[in-house]
Amino acid sequence: MDALNLMTKQELVFWIQHHMFYEKPKKSWFYSYRWQKQSLELQEKQRKHIALLGNMGAKEKDEYAKKYNASKDPKERDRLFKLMEPYHKRMVSWLEADKKLDAERKRIDALYESIDRERKRETA
């Protein structure tokens, strides 16, 4: 009955639809279901996150950087630096989001390890 207490309403309904009449709920099943669901969600987030990288405007920023490095005029360099600033902010924001996705990936990996631990306990 421990596994039933861990389930959300959606997970409980899914379990009842697929397992109710022939086996009692197990924590390993619960962890497995949650891992599969969260893994798919994470994959979709990662796909969108990587797509954002292509829309950063890296070519434009590189052109500004080349002009900045070639310029000797302080006013021109300042103008080019200000033009590069939004690109830098977007990249920093993207990297912060990437760190959050890494933390979520580690949490989901730990959930996967829980599946194996619970299966060993259930068979012992």
PDB file of N, CA and C in Angstrom:
ATOM      1  N   MET A   1       0.801  -1.204   0.000  1.00  0.00           N
ATOM      2  CA  MET A   1       0.000   0.000   0.000  1.00  0.00           C
ATOM      3  C   MET A   1       0.847   1.274   0.000  1.00  0.00           C
ATOM      4  N   ASP A   2       2.141   1.150   0.305  1.00  0.00           N
ATOM      5  CA  ASP A   2       3.016   2.326   0.269  1.00  0.00           C
ATOM      6  C   ASP A   2       2.999   2.990  -1.094  1.00  0.00           C
ATOM      7  N   ALA A   3       3.012   2.186  -2.133  1.00  0.00           N
ATOM      8  CA  ALA A   3       3.062   2.719  -3.496  1.00  0.00           C
ATOM      9  C   ALA A   3       1.815   3.531  -3.816  1.00  0.00           C
ATOM     10  N   LEU A   4       0.660   3.099  -3.339  1.00  0.00           N
ATOM     11  CA  LEU A   4      -0.571   3.857  -3.600  1.00  0.00           C
ATOM     12  C   LEU A   4      -0.509   5.255  -2.994  1.00  0.00           C
ATOM     13  N   ASN A   5       0.118   5.378  -1.852  1.00  0.00           N
ATOM     14  CA  ASN A   5       0.222   6.678  -1.208  1.00  0.00           C
ATOM     15  C   ASN A   5       1.144   7.626  -1.966  1.00  0.00           C
ATOM     16  N   LEU A   6       2.062   7.092  -2.747  1.00  0.00           N
ATOM     17  CA  LEU A   6       3.000   7.916  -3.502  1.00  0.00           C
ATOM     18  C   LEU A   6       2.415   8.423  -4.817  1.00  0.00           C
ATOM     19  N   MET A   7       1.384   7.765  -5.311  1.00  0.00           N
ATOM     20  CA  MET A   7       0.848   8.068  -6.642  1.00  0.00           C
ATOM     21  C   MET A   7      -0.002   9.321  -6.657  1.00  0.00           C
ATOM     22  N   THR A   8       0.113  10.056  -7.760  1.00  0.00           N
ATOM     23  CA  THR A   8      -0.803  11.168  -8.002  1.00  0.00           C
ATOM     24  C   THR A   8      -2.104  10.573  -8.518  1.00  0.00           C
ATOM     25  N   LYS A   9      -3.120  11.380  -8.637  1.00  0.00           N
ATOM     26  CA  LYS A   9      -4.404  10.894  -9.124  1.00  0.00           C
ATOM     27  C   LYS A   9      -4.258  10.321 -10.534  1.00  0.00           C
ATOM     28  N   GLN A  10      -3.531  11.018 -11.387  1.00  0.00           N
ATOM     29  CA  GLN A  10      -3.331  10.561 -12.761  1.00  0.00           C
ATOM     30  C   GLN A  10      -2.603   9.213 -12.794  1.00  0.00           C
ATOM     31  N   GLU A  11      -1.583   9.061 -11.963  1.00  0.00           N
ATOM     32  CA  GLU A  11      -0.837   7.809 -11.909  1.00  0.00           C
ATOM     33  C   GLU A  11      -1.702   6.675 -11.372  1.00  0.00           C
ATOM     34  N   LEU A  12      -2.507   6.976 -10.391  1.00  0.00           N
ATOM     35  CA  LEU A  12      -3.390   5.968  -9.811  1.00  0.00           C
ATOM     36  C   LEU A  12      -4.420   5.488 -10.830  1.00  0.00           C
ATOM     37  N   VAL A  13      -5.007   6.406 -11.562  1.00  0.00           N
ATOM     38  CA  VAL A  13      -5.978   6.036 -12.593  1.00  0.00           C
ATOM     39  C   VAL A  13      -5.313   5.169 -13.659  1.00  0.00           C
ATOM     40  N   PHE A  14      -4.113   5.556 -14.078  1.00  0.00           N
ATOM     41  CA  PHE A  14      -3.381   4.771 -15.079  1.00  0.00           C
ATOM     42  C   PHE A  14      -3.102   3.359 -14.558  1.00  0.00           C
ATOM     43  N   TRP A  15      -2.681   3.259 -13.316  1.00  0.00           N
ATOM     44  CA  TRP A  15      -2.387   1.950 -12.732  1.00  0.00           C
ATOM     45  C   TRP A  15      -3.648   1.087 -12.667  1.00  0.00           C
ATOM     46  N   ILE A  16      -4.746   1.681 -12.249  1.00  0.00           N
ATOM     47  CA  ILE A  16      -6.005   0.928 -12.148  1.00  0.00           C
ATOM     48  C   ILE A  16      -6.418   0.426 -13.527  1.00  0.00           C
ATOM     49  N   GLN A  17      -6.268   1.258 -14.544  1.00  0.00           N
ATOM     50  CA  GLN A  17      -6.647   0.854 -15.899  1.00  0.00           C
ATOM     51  C   GLN A  17      -5.791  -0.295 -16.422  1.00  0.00           C
ATOM     52  N   HIS A  18      -4.543  -0.389 -15.980  1.00  0.00           N
ATOM     53  CA  HIS A  18      -3.642  -1.380 -16.561  1.00  0.00           C
ATOM     54  C   HIS A  18      -3.285  -2.550 -15.648  1.00  0.00           C
ATOM     55  N   HIS A  19      -3.433  -2.408 -14.343  1.00  0.00           N
ATOM     56  CA  HIS A  19      -2.904  -3.438 -13.449  1.00  0.00           C
ATOM     57  C   HIS A  19      -3.864  -3.894 -12.351  1.00  0.00           C
ATOM     58  N   MET A  20      -4.961  -3.290 -12.195  1.00  0.00           N
ATOM     59  CA  MET A  20      -5.760  -3.453 -10.986  1.00  0.00           C
ATOM     60  C   MET A  20      -6.103  -4.900 -10.652  1.00  0.00           C
ATOM     61  N   PHE A  21      -6.481  -5.705 -11.618  1.00  0.00           N
ATOM     62  CA  PHE A  21      -7.053  -7.004 -11.310  1.00  0.00           C
ATOM     63  C   PHE A  21      -6.043  -8.121 -11.139  1.00  0.00           C
ATOM     64  N   TYR A  22      -4.807  -7.914 -11.515  1.00  0.00           N
ATOM     65  CA  TYR A  22      -3.896  -9.044 -11.450  1.00  0.00           C
ATOM     66  C   TYR A  22      -2.618  -8.816 -10.665  1.00  0.00           C
ATOM     67  N   GLU A  23      -2.395  -7.662 -10.108  1.00  0.00           N
ATOM     68  CA  GLU A  23      -1.220  -7.504  -9.245  1.00  0.00           C
ATOM     69  C   GLU A  23      -1.399  -6.299  -8.314  1.00  0.00           C
ATOM     70  N   LYS A  24      -0.775  -6.384  -7.174  1.00  0.00           N
ATOM     71  CA  LYS A  24      -0.841  -5.267  -6.242  1.00  0.00           C
ATOM     72  C   LYS A  24       0.209  -4.226  -6.643  1.00  0.00           C
ATOM     73  N   PRO A  25       0.004  -2.989  -6.280  1.00  0.00           N
ATOM     74  CA  PRO A  25       0.935  -1.936  -6.698  1.00  0.00           C
ATOM     75  C   PRO A  25       2.308  -2.096  -6.044  1.00  0.00           C
ATOM     76  N   LYS A  26       3.321  -1.772  -6.814  1.00  0.00           N
ATOM     77  CA  LYS A  26       4.693  -1.849  -6.320  1.00  0.00           C
ATOM     78  C   LYS A  26       5.346  -0.490  -6.520  1.00  0.00           C
ATOM     79  N   LYS A  27       6.249  -0.165  -5.622  1.00  0.00           N
ATOM     80  CA  LYS A  27       6.969   1.097  -5.748  1.00  0.00           C
ATOM     81  C   LYS A  27       7.797   1.144  -7.023  1.00  0.00           C
ATOM     82  N   SER A  28       8.341   0.018  -7.430  1.00  0.00           N
ATOM     83  CA  SER A  28       9.163  -0.005  -8.642  1.00  0.00           C
ATOM     84  C   SER A  28       8.329   0.400  -9.861  1.00  0.00           C
ATOM     85  N   TRP A  29       7.078  -0.061  -9.905  1.00  0.00           N
ATOM     86  CA  TRP A  29       6.213   0.323 -11.015  1.00  0.00           C
ATOM     87  C   TRP A  29       5.971   1.825 -10.975  1.00  0.00           C
ATOM     88  N   PHE A  30       5.668   2.326  -9.793  1.00  0.00           N
ATOM     89  CA  PHE A  30       5.418   3.757  -9.621  1.00  0.00           C
ATOM     90  C   PHE A  30       6.629   4.574 -10.079  1.00  0.00           C
ATOM     91  N   TYR A  31       7.820   4.186  -9.636  1.00  0.00           N
ATOM     92  CA  TYR A  31       9.036   4.910 -10.030  1.00  0.00           C
ATOM     93  C   TYR A  31       9.269   4.802 -11.536  1.00  0.00           C
ATOM     94  N   SER A  32       9.001   3.627 -12.092  1.00  0.00           N
ATOM     95  CA  SER A  32       9.201   3.420 -13.520  1.00  0.00           C
ATOM     96  C   SER A  32       8.263   4.305 -14.336  1.00  0.00           C
ATOM     97  N   TYR A  33       7.011   4.339 -13.952  1.00  0.00           N
ATOM     98  CA  TYR A  33       6.029   5.179 -14.648  1.00  0.00           C
ATOM     99  C   TYR A  33       6.431   6.646 -14.564  1.00  0.00           C
ATOM    100  N   ARG A  34       6.783   7.088 -13.379  1.00  0.00           N
ATOM    101  CA  ARG A  34       7.158   8.490 -13.186  1.00  0.00           C
ATOM    102  C   ARG A  34       8.438   8.818 -13.965  1.00  0.00           C
ATOM    103  N   TRP A  35       9.395   7.884 -13.976  1.00  0.00           N
ATOM    104  CA  TRP A  35      10.641   8.109 -14.712  1.00  0.00           C
ATOM    105  C   TRP A  35      10.362   8.247 -16.211  1.00  0.00           C
ATOM    106  N   GLN A  36       9.532   7.360 -16.759  1.00  0.00           N
ATOM    107  CA  GLN A  36       9.209   7.418 -18.184  1.00  0.00           C
ATOM    108  C   GLN A  36       8.544   8.745 -18.539  1.00  0.00           C
ATOM    109  N   LYS A  37       7.595   9.133 -17.738  1.00  0.00           N
ATOM    110  CA  LYS A  37       6.854  10.377 -17.997  1.00  0.00           C
ATOM    111  C   LYS A  37       7.787  11.581 -17.913  1.00  0.00           C
ATOM    112  N   GLN A  38       8.580  11.653 -16.868  1.00  0.00           N
ATOM    113  CA  GLN A  38       9.465  12.798 -16.687  1.00  0.00           C
ATOM    114  C   GLN A  38      10.595  12.806 -17.715  1.00  0.00           C
ATOM    115  N   SER A  39      11.046  11.642 -18.142  1.00  0.00           N
ATOM    116  CA  SER A  39      12.091  11.567 -19.172  1.00  0.00           C
ATOM    117  C   SER A  39      11.587  12.134 -20.491  1.00  0.00           C
ATOM    118  N   LEU A  40      10.364  11.775 -20.847  1.00  0.00           N
ATOM    119  CA  LEU A  40       9.787  12.311 -22.084  1.00  0.00           C
ATOM    120  C   LEU A  40       9.617  13.824 -22.012  1.00  0.00           C
ATOM    121  N   GLU A  41       9.168  14.312 -20.873  1.00  0.00           N
ATOM    122  CA  GLU A  41       9.013  15.757 -20.697  1.00  0.00           C
ATOM    123  C   GLU A  41      10.363  16.459 -20.799  1.00  0.00           C
ATOM    124  N   LEU A  42      11.381  15.869 -20.192  1.00  0.00           N
ATOM    125  CA  LEU A  42      12.720  16.457 -20.241  1.00  0.00           C
ATOM    126  C   LEU A  42      13.270  16.451 -21.664  1.00  0.00           C
ATOM    127  N   GLN A  43      13.053  15.385 -22.401  1.00  0.00           N
ATOM    128  CA  GLN A  43      13.516  15.340 -23.784  1.00  0.00           C
ATOM    129  C   GLN A  43      12.889  16.460 -24.608  1.00  0.00           C
ATOM    130  N   GLU A  44      11.618  16.705 -24.395  1.00  0.00           N
ATOM    131  CA  GLU A  44      10.936  17.778 -25.127  1.00  0.00           C
ATOM    132  C   GLU A  44      11.508  19.153 -24.731  1.00  0.00           C
ATOM    133  N   LYS A  45      11.749  19.343 -23.447  1.00  0.00           N
ATOM    134  CA  LYS A  45      12.357  20.601 -22.990  1.00  0.00           C
ATOM    135  C   LYS A  45      13.741  20.788 -23.593  1.00  0.00           C
ATOM    136  N   GLN A  46      14.526  19.704 -23.632  1.00  0.00           N
ATOM    137  CA  GLN A  46      15.873  19.786 -24.194  1.00  0.00           C
ATOM    138  C   GLN A  46      15.832  20.088 -25.687  1.00  0.00           C
ATOM    139  N   ARG A  47      14.888  19.498 -26.385  1.00  0.00           N
ATOM    140  CA  ARG A  47      14.751  19.758 -27.818  1.00  0.00           C
ATOM    141  C   ARG A  47      14.469  21.244 -28.067  1.00  0.00           C
ATOM    142  N   LYS A  48      13.546  21.797 -27.295  1.00  0.00           N
ATOM    143  CA  LYS A  48      13.218  23.220 -27.431  1.00  0.00           C
ATOM    144  C   LYS A  48      14.402  24.090 -27.029  1.00  0.00           C
ATOM    145  N   HIS A  49      15.090  23.682 -25.988  1.00  0.00           N
ATOM    146  CA  HIS A  49      16.238  24.429 -25.480  1.00  0.00           C
ATOM    147  C   HIS A  49      17.359  24.487 -26.524  1.00  0.00           C
ATOM    148  N   ILE A  50      17.625  23.387 -27.167  1.00  0.00           N
ATOM    149  CA  ILE A  50      18.670  23.346 -28.199  1.00  0.00           C
ATOM    150  C   ILE A  50      18.245  24.155 -29.420  1.00  0.00           C
ATOM    151  N   ALA A  51      16.952  24.138 -29.736  1.00  0.00           N
ATOM    152  CA  ALA A  51      16.457  24.933 -30.858  1.00  0.00           C
ATOM    153  C   ALA A  51      16.674  26.429 -30.601  1.00  0.00           C
ATOM    154  N   LEU A  52      16.567  26.833 -29.346  1.00  0.00           N
ATOM    155  CA  LEU A  52      16.815  28.244 -29.002  1.00  0.00           C
ATOM    156  C   LEU A  52      18.239  28.662 -29.319  1.00  0.00           C
ATOM    157  N   LEU A  53      19.164  27.747 -29.181  1.00  0.00           N
ATOM    158  CA  LEU A  53      20.564  28.049 -29.431  1.00  0.00           C
ATOM    159  C   LEU A  53      20.784  28.491 -30.875  1.00  0.00           C
ATOM    160  N   GLY A  54      20.057  27.893 -31.790  1.00  0.00           N
ATOM    161  CA  GLY A  54      20.174  28.267 -33.193  1.00  0.00           C
ATOM    162  C   GLY A  54      19.617  29.643 -33.499  1.00  0.00           C
ATOM    163  N   ASN A  55      18.747  30.132 -32.631  1.00  0.00           N
ATOM    164  CA  ASN A  55      18.114  31.442 -32.842  1.00  0.00           C
ATOM    165  C   ASN A  55      18.787  32.563 -32.060  1.00  0.00           C
ATOM    166  N   MET A  56      19.998  32.335 -31.605  1.00  0.00           N
ATOM    167  CA  MET A  56      20.697  33.324 -30.780  1.00  0.00           C
ATOM    168  C   MET A  56      21.299  34.461 -31.596  1.00  0.00           C
ATOM    169  N   GLY A  57      21.482  34.269 -32.868  1.00  0.00           N
ATOM    170  CA  GLY A  57      22.101  35.304 -33.679  1.00  0.00           C
ATOM    171  C   GLY A  57      23.615  35.334 -33.512  1.00  0.00           C
ATOM    172  N   ALA A  58      24.220  34.187 -33.434  1.00  0.00           N
ATOM    173  CA  ALA A  58      25.662  34.100 -33.192  1.00  0.00           C
ATOM    174  C   ALA A  58      26.464  34.719 -34.337  1.00  0.00           C
ATOM    175  N   LYS A  59      25.969  34.587 -35.566  1.00  0.00           N
ATOM    176  CA  LYS A  59      26.700  35.151 -36.702  1.00  0.00           C
ATOM    177  C   LYS A  59      26.768  36.670 -36.600  1.00  0.00           C
ATOM    178  N   GLU A  60      25.645  37.290 -36.245  1.00  0.00           N
ATOM    179  CA  GLU A  60      25.625  38.750 -36.113  1.00  0.00           C
ATOM    180  C   GLU A  60      26.568  39.201 -34.994  1.00  0.00           C
ATOM    181  N   LYS A  61      26.513  38.478 -33.883  1.00  0.00           N
ATOM    182  CA  LYS A  61      27.386  38.826 -32.757  1.00  0.00           C
ATOM    183  C   LYS A  61      28.851  38.694 -33.156  1.00  0.00           C
ATOM    184  N   ASP A  62      29.177  37.630 -33.892  1.00  0.00           N
ATOM    185  CA  ASP A  62      30.554  37.436 -34.345  1.00  0.00           C
ATOM    186  C   ASP A  62      31.008  38.560 -35.269  1.00  0.00           C
ATOM    187  N   GLU A  63      30.093  39.028 -36.109  1.00  0.00           N
ATOM    188  CA  GLU A  63      30.444  40.153 -36.993  1.00  0.00           C
ATOM    189  C   GLU A  63      30.727  41.412 -36.184  1.00  0.00           C
ATOM    190  N   TYR A  64      29.876  41.667 -35.190  1.00  0.00           N
ATOM    191  CA  TYR A  64      30.116  42.825 -34.313  1.00  0.00           C
ATOM    192  C   TYR A  64      31.438  42.674 -33.575  1.00  0.00           C
ATOM    193  N   ALA A  65      31.739  41.459 -33.137  1.00  0.00           N
ATOM    194  CA  ALA A  65      32.979  41.219 -32.398  1.00  0.00           C
ATOM    195  C   ALA A  65      34.201  41.450 -33.281  1.00  0.00           C
ATOM    196  N   LYS A  66      34.124  41.014 -34.528  1.00  0.00           N
ATOM    197  CA  LYS A  66      35.238  41.250 -35.457  1.00  0.00           C
ATOM    198  C   LYS A  66      35.456  42.739 -35.675  1.00  0.00           C
ATOM    199  N   LYS A  67      34.356  43.461 -35.878  1.00  0.00           N
ATOM    200  CA  LYS A  67      34.460  44.913 -36.078  1.00  0.00           C
ATOM    201  C   LYS A  67      34.992  45.588 -34.813  1.00  0.00           C
ATOM    202  N   TYR A  68      34.542  45.103 -33.669  1.00  0.00           N
ATOM    203  CA  TYR A  68      34.993  45.647 -32.389  1.00  0.00           C
ATOM    204  C   TYR A  68      36.502  45.461 -32.238  1.00  0.00           C
ATOM    205  N   ASN A  69      36.972  44.269 -32.525  1.00  0.00           N
ATOM    206  CA  ASN A  69      38.409  43.974 -32.400  1.00  0.00           C
ATOM    207  C   ASN A  69      39.248  44.750 -33.406  1.00  0.00           C
ATOM    208  N   ALA A  70      38.691  45.018 -34.581  1.00  0.00           N
ATOM    209  CA  ALA A  70      39.435  45.726 -35.617  1.00  0.00           C
ATOM    210  C   ALA A  70      39.427  47.241 -35.410  1.00  0.00           C
ATOM    211  N   SER A  71      38.432  47.731 -34.683  1.00  0.00           N
ATOM    212  CA  SER A  71      38.280  49.181 -34.517  1.00  0.00           C
ATOM    213  C   SER A  71      39.245  49.751 -33.483  1.00  0.00           C
ATOM    214  N   LYS A  72      39.715  50.967 -33.770  1.00  0.00           N
ATOM    215  CA  LYS A  72      40.582  51.695 -32.832  1.00  0.00           C
ATOM    216  C   LYS A  72      39.839  52.859 -32.193  1.00  0.00           C
ATOM    217  N   ASP A  73      38.720  53.235 -32.792  1.00  0.00           N
ATOM    218  CA  ASP A  73      37.933  54.369 -32.309  1.00  0.00           C
ATOM    219  C   ASP A  73      37.134  53.964 -31.068  1.00  0.00           C
ATOM    220  N   PRO A  74      37.370  54.638 -29.919  1.00  0.00           N
ATOM    221  CA  PRO A  74      36.656  54.264 -28.681  1.00  0.00           C
ATOM    222  C   PRO A  74      35.140  54.397 -28.792  1.00  0.00           C
ATOM    223  N   LYS A  75      34.658  55.398 -29.519  1.00  0.00           N
ATOM    224  CA  LYS A  75      33.199  55.569 -29.659  1.00  0.00           C
ATOM    225  C   LYS A  75      32.598  54.424 -30.475  1.00  0.00           C
ATOM    226  N   GLU A  76      33.299  54.040 -31.521  1.00  0.00           N
ATOM    227  CA  GLU A  76      32.828  52.941 -32.356  1.00  0.00           C
ATOM    228  C   GLU A  76      32.846  51.630 -31.570  1.00  0.00           C
ATOM    229  N   ARG A  77      33.891  51.430 -30.790  1.00  0.00           N
ATOM    230  CA  ARG A  77      33.990  50.222 -29.973  1.00  0.00           C
ATOM    231  C   ARG A  77      32.860  50.179 -28.941  1.00  0.00           C
ATOM    232  N   ASP A  78      32.564  51.317 -28.348  1.00  0.00           N
ATOM    233  CA  ASP A  78      31.472  51.396 -27.365  1.00  0.00           C
ATOM    234  C   ASP A  78      30.134  51.077 -28.037  1.00  0.00           C
ATOM    235  N   ARG A  79      29.914  51.633 -29.227  1.00  0.00           N
ATOM    236  CA  ARG A  79      28.678  51.377 -29.964  1.00  0.00           C
ATOM    237  C   ARG A  79      28.551  49.880 -30.290  1.00  0.00           C
ATOM    238  N   LEU A  80      29.633  49.279 -30.752  1.00  0.00           N
ATOM    239  CA  LEU A  80      29.620  47.855 -31.090  1.00  0.00           C
ATOM    240  C   LEU A  80      29.427  46.985 -29.847  1.00  0.00           C
ATOM    241  N   PHE A  81      30.036  47.404 -28.740  1.00  0.00           N
ATOM    242  CA  PHE A  81      29.874  46.661 -27.486  1.00  0.00           C
ATOM    243  C   PHE A  81      28.408  46.655 -27.067  1.00  0.00           C
ATOM    244  N   LYS A  82      27.759  47.798 -27.197  1.00  0.00           N
ATOM    245  CA  LYS A  82      26.329  47.883 -26.842  1.00  0.00           C
ATOM    246  C   LYS A  82      25.474  47.035 -27.774  1.00  0.00           C
ATOM    247  N   LEU A  83      25.907  46.918 -29.023  1.00  0.00           N
ATOM    248  CA  LEU A  83      25.169  46.067 -29.956  1.00  0.00           C
ATOM    249  C   LEU A  83      25.334  44.576 -29.622  1.00  0.00           C
ATOM    250  N   MET A  84      26.477  44.224 -29.058  1.00  0.00           N
ATOM    251  CA  MET A  84      26.728  42.822 -28.699  1.00  0.00           C
ATOM    252  C   MET A  84      26.067  42.427 -27.379  1.00  0.00           C
ATOM    253  N   GLU A  85      25.767  43.402 -26.547  1.00  0.00           N
ATOM    254  CA  GLU A  85      25.249  43.124 -25.205  1.00  0.00           C
ATOM    255  C   GLU A  85      23.990  42.245 -25.182  1.00  0.00           C
ATOM    256  N   PRO A  86      22.978  42.499 -26.010  1.00  0.00           N
ATOM    257  CA  PRO A  86      21.788  41.626 -25.970  1.00  0.00           C
ATOM    258  C   PRO A  86      22.105  40.167 -26.303  1.00  0.00           C
ATOM    259  N   TYR A  87      23.044  39.956 -27.213  1.00  0.00           N
ATOM    260  CA  TYR A  87      23.440  38.589 -27.560  1.00  0.00           C
ATOM    261  C   TYR A  87      24.087  37.907 -26.356  1.00  0.00           C
ATOM    262  N   HIS A  88      24.921  38.664 -25.666  1.00  0.00           N
ATOM    263  CA  HIS A  88      25.584  38.117 -24.475  1.00  0.00           C
ATOM    264  C   HIS A  88      24.544  37.766 -23.402  1.00  0.00           C
ATOM    265  N   LYS A  89      23.592  38.646 -23.191  1.00  0.00           N
ATOM    266  CA  LYS A  89      22.556  38.392 -22.184  1.00  0.00           C
ATOM    267  C   LYS A  89      21.738  37.154 -22.533  1.00  0.00           C
ATOM    268  N   ARG A  90      21.422  36.996 -23.817  1.00  0.00           N
ATOM    269  CA  ARG A  90      20.674  35.804 -24.234  1.00  0.00           C
ATOM    270  C   ARG A  90      21.488  34.542 -23.997  1.00  0.00           C
ATOM    271  N   MET A  91      22.781  34.613 -24.263  1.00  0.00           N
ATOM    272  CA  MET A  91      23.629  33.430 -24.061  1.00  0.00           C
ATOM    273  C   MET A  91      23.744  33.087 -22.575  1.00  0.00           C
ATOM    274  N   VAL A  92      23.897  34.096 -21.737  1.00  0.00           N
ATOM    275  CA  VAL A  92      23.966  33.858 -20.291  1.00  0.00           C
ATOM    276  C   VAL A  92      22.653  33.246 -19.808  1.00  0.00           C
ATOM    277  N   SER A  93      21.554  33.764 -20.291  1.00  0.00           N
ATOM    278  CA  SER A  93      20.244  33.226 -19.921  1.00  0.00           C
ATOM    279  C   SER A  93      20.102  31.781 -20.389  1.00  0.00           C
ATOM    280  N   TRP A  94      20.576  31.494 -21.592  1.00  0.00           N
ATOM    281  CA  TRP A  94      20.510  30.134 -22.127  1.00  0.00           C
ATOM    282  C   TRP A  94      21.354  29.182 -21.279  1.00  0.00           C
ATOM    283  N   LEU A  95      22.542  29.623 -20.880  1.00  0.00           N
ATOM    284  CA  LEU A  95      23.419  28.787 -20.059  1.00  0.00           C
ATOM    285  C   LEU A  95      22.813  28.514 -18.684  1.00  0.00           C
ATOM    286  N   GLU A  96      22.138  29.508 -18.113  1.00  0.00           N
ATOM    287  CA  GLU A  96      21.469  29.303 -16.823  1.00  0.00           C
ATOM    288  C   GLU A  96      20.342  28.274 -16.968  1.00  0.00           C
ATOM    289  N   ALA A  97      19.583  28.382 -18.051  1.00  0.00           N
ATOM    290  CA  ALA A  97      18.517  27.407 -18.301  1.00  0.00           C
ATOM    291  C   ALA A  97      19.109  26.019 -18.518  1.00  0.00           C
ATOM    292  N   ASP A  98      20.276  25.954 -19.150  1.00  0.00           N
ATOM    293  CA  ASP A  98      20.951  24.679 -19.375  1.00  0.00           C
ATOM    294  C   ASP A  98      21.356  24.029 -18.044  1.00  0.00           C
ATOM    295  N   LYS A  99      21.809  24.844 -17.102  1.00  0.00           N
ATOM    296  CA  LYS A  99      22.155  24.321 -15.775  1.00  0.00           C
ATOM    297  C   LYS A  99      20.924  23.746 -15.083  1.00  0.00           C
ATOM    298  N   LYS A 100      19.793  24.415 -15.231  1.00  0.00           N
ATOM    299  CA  LYS A 100      18.552  23.922 -14.629  1.00  0.00           C
ATOM    300  C   LYS A 100      18.146  22.589 -15.253  1.00  0.00           C
ATOM    301  N   LEU A 101      18.311  22.474 -16.563  1.00  0.00           N
ATOM    302  CA  LEU A 101      17.995  21.204 -17.223  1.00  0.00           C
ATOM    303  C   LEU A 101      18.936  20.097 -16.763  1.00  0.00           C
ATOM    304  N   ASP A 102      20.199  20.434 -16.533  1.00  0.00           N
ATOM    305  CA  ASP A 102      21.147  19.442 -16.015  1.00  0.00           C
ATOM    306  C   ASP A 102      20.733  18.952 -14.633  1.00  0.00           C
ATOM    307  N   ALA A 103      20.290  19.873 -13.785  1.00  0.00           N
ATOM    308  CA  ALA A 103      19.835  19.489 -12.448  1.00  0.00           C
ATOM    309  C   ALA A 103      18.600  18.592 -12.537  1.00  0.00           C
ATOM    310  N   GLU A 104      17.705  18.926 -13.452  1.00  0.00           N
ATOM    311  CA  GLU A 104      16.511  18.099 -13.632  1.00  0.00           C
ATOM    312  C   GLU A 104      16.904  16.717 -14.163  1.00  0.00           C
ATOM    313  N   ARG A 105      17.874  16.670 -15.064  1.00  0.00           N
ATOM    314  CA  ARG A 105      18.353  15.398 -15.613  1.00  0.00           C
ATOM    315  C   ARG A 105      18.940  14.532 -14.501  1.00  0.00           C
ATOM    316  N   LYS A 106      19.687  15.135 -13.594  1.00  0.00           N
ATOM    317  CA  LYS A 106      20.271  14.379 -12.472  1.00  0.00           C
ATOM    318  C   LYS A 106      19.179  13.833 -11.558  1.00  0.00           C
ATOM    319  N   ARG A 107      18.135  14.630 -11.336  1.00  0.00           N
ATOM    320  CA  ARG A 107      17.031  14.189 -10.491  1.00  0.00           C
ATOM    321  C   ARG A 107      16.309  13.000 -11.133  1.00  0.00           C
ATOM    322  N   ILE A 108      16.124  13.060 -12.434  1.00  0.00           N
ATOM    323  CA  ILE A 108      15.455  11.973 -13.146  1.00  0.00           C
ATOM    324  C   ILE A 108      16.347  10.731 -13.172  1.00  0.00           C
ATOM    325  N   ASP A 109      17.653  10.913 -13.298  1.00  0.00           N
ATOM    326  CA  ASP A 109      18.584   9.774 -13.235  1.00  0.00           C
ATOM    327  C   ASP A 109      18.523   9.097 -11.869  1.00  0.00           C
ATOM    328  N   ALA A 110      18.390   9.896 -10.825  1.00  0.00           N
ATOM    329  CA  ALA A 110      18.269   9.329  -9.475  1.00  0.00           C
ATOM    330  C   ALA A 110      16.968   8.534  -9.347  1.00  0.00           C
ATOM    331  N   LEU A 111      15.930   9.011  -9.995  1.00  0.00           N
ATOM    332  CA  LEU A 111      14.660   8.289  -9.981  1.00  0.00           C
ATOM    333  C   LEU A 111      14.815   6.936 -10.684  1.00  0.00           C
ATOM    334  N   TYR A 112      15.583   6.920 -11.755  1.00  0.00           N
ATOM    335  CA  TYR A 112      15.847   5.656 -12.462  1.00  0.00           C
ATOM    336  C   TYR A 112      16.576   4.670 -11.552  1.00  0.00           C
ATOM    337  N   GLU A 113      17.523   5.160 -10.793  1.00  0.00           N
ATOM    338  CA  GLU A 113      18.242   4.297  -9.857  1.00  0.00           C
ATOM    339  C   GLU A 113      17.298   3.759  -8.781  1.00  0.00           C
ATOM    340  N   SER A 114      16.299   4.527  -8.424  1.00  0.00           N
ATOM    341  CA  SER A 114      15.314   4.080  -7.435  1.00  0.00           C
ATOM    342  C   SER A 114      14.522   2.877  -7.939  1.00  0.00           C
ATOM    343  N   ILE A 115      14.299   2.822  -9.235  1.00  0.00           N
ATOM    344  CA  ILE A 115      13.558   1.693  -9.818  1.00  0.00           C
ATOM    345  C   ILE A 115      14.301   0.397  -9.516  1.00  0.00           C
ATOM    346  N   ASP A 116      15.584   0.389  -9.805  1.00  0.00           N
ATOM    347  CA  ASP A 116      16.390  -0.808  -9.598  1.00  0.00           C
ATOM    348  C   ASP A 116      16.446  -1.195  -8.117  1.00  0.00           C
ATOM    349  N   ARG A 117      16.622  -0.200  -7.263  1.00  0.00           N
ATOM    350  CA  ARG A 117      16.668  -0.459  -5.814  1.00  0.00           C
ATOM    351  C   ARG A 117      15.369  -1.101  -5.345  1.00  0.00           C
ATOM    352  N   GLU A 118      14.242  -0.553  -5.790  1.00  0.00           N
ATOM    353  CA  GLU A 118      12.943  -1.074  -5.357  1.00  0.00           C
ATOM    354  C   GLU A 118      12.692  -2.475  -5.907  1.00  0.00           C
ATOM    355  N   ARG A 119      13.113  -2.725  -7.139  1.00  0.00           N
ATOM    356  CA  ARG A 119      12.922  -4.073  -7.705  1.00  0.00           C
ATOM    357  C   ARG A 119      13.713  -5.106  -6.903  1.00  0.00           C
ATOM    358  N   LYS A 120      14.908  -4.740  -6.471  1.00  0.00           N
ATOM    359  CA  LYS A 120      15.715  -5.658  -5.655  1.00  0.00           C
ATOM    360  C   LYS A 120      15.027  -5.917  -4.313  1.00  0.00           C
ATOM    361  N   ARG A 121      14.459  -4.882  -3.714  1.00  0.00           N
ATOM    362  CA  ARG A 121      13.752  -5.056  -2.435  1.00  0.00           C
ATOM    363  C   ARG A 121      12.513  -5.923  -2.604  1.00  0.00           C
ATOM    364  N   GLU A 122      11.789  -5.699  -3.694  1.00  0.00           N
ATOM    365  CA  GLU A 122      10.551  -6.436  -3.907  1.00  0.00           C
ATOM    366  C   GLU A 122      10.781  -7.926  -4.161  1.00  0.00           C
ATOM    367  N   THR A 123      11.919  -8.252  -4.772  1.00  0.00           N
ATOM    368  CA  THR A 123      12.196  -9.659  -5.051  1.00  0.00           C
ATOM    369  C   THR A 123      12.880 -10.358  -3.877  1.00  0.00           C
ATOM    370  N   ALA A 124      13.388  -9.594  -2.936  1.00  0.00           N
ATOM    371  CA  ALA A 124      14.083 -10.193  -1.791  1.00  0.00           C
ATOM    372  C   ALA A 124      13.121 -10.764  -0.779  1.00  0.00           C
TER     373      ALA A 124
END
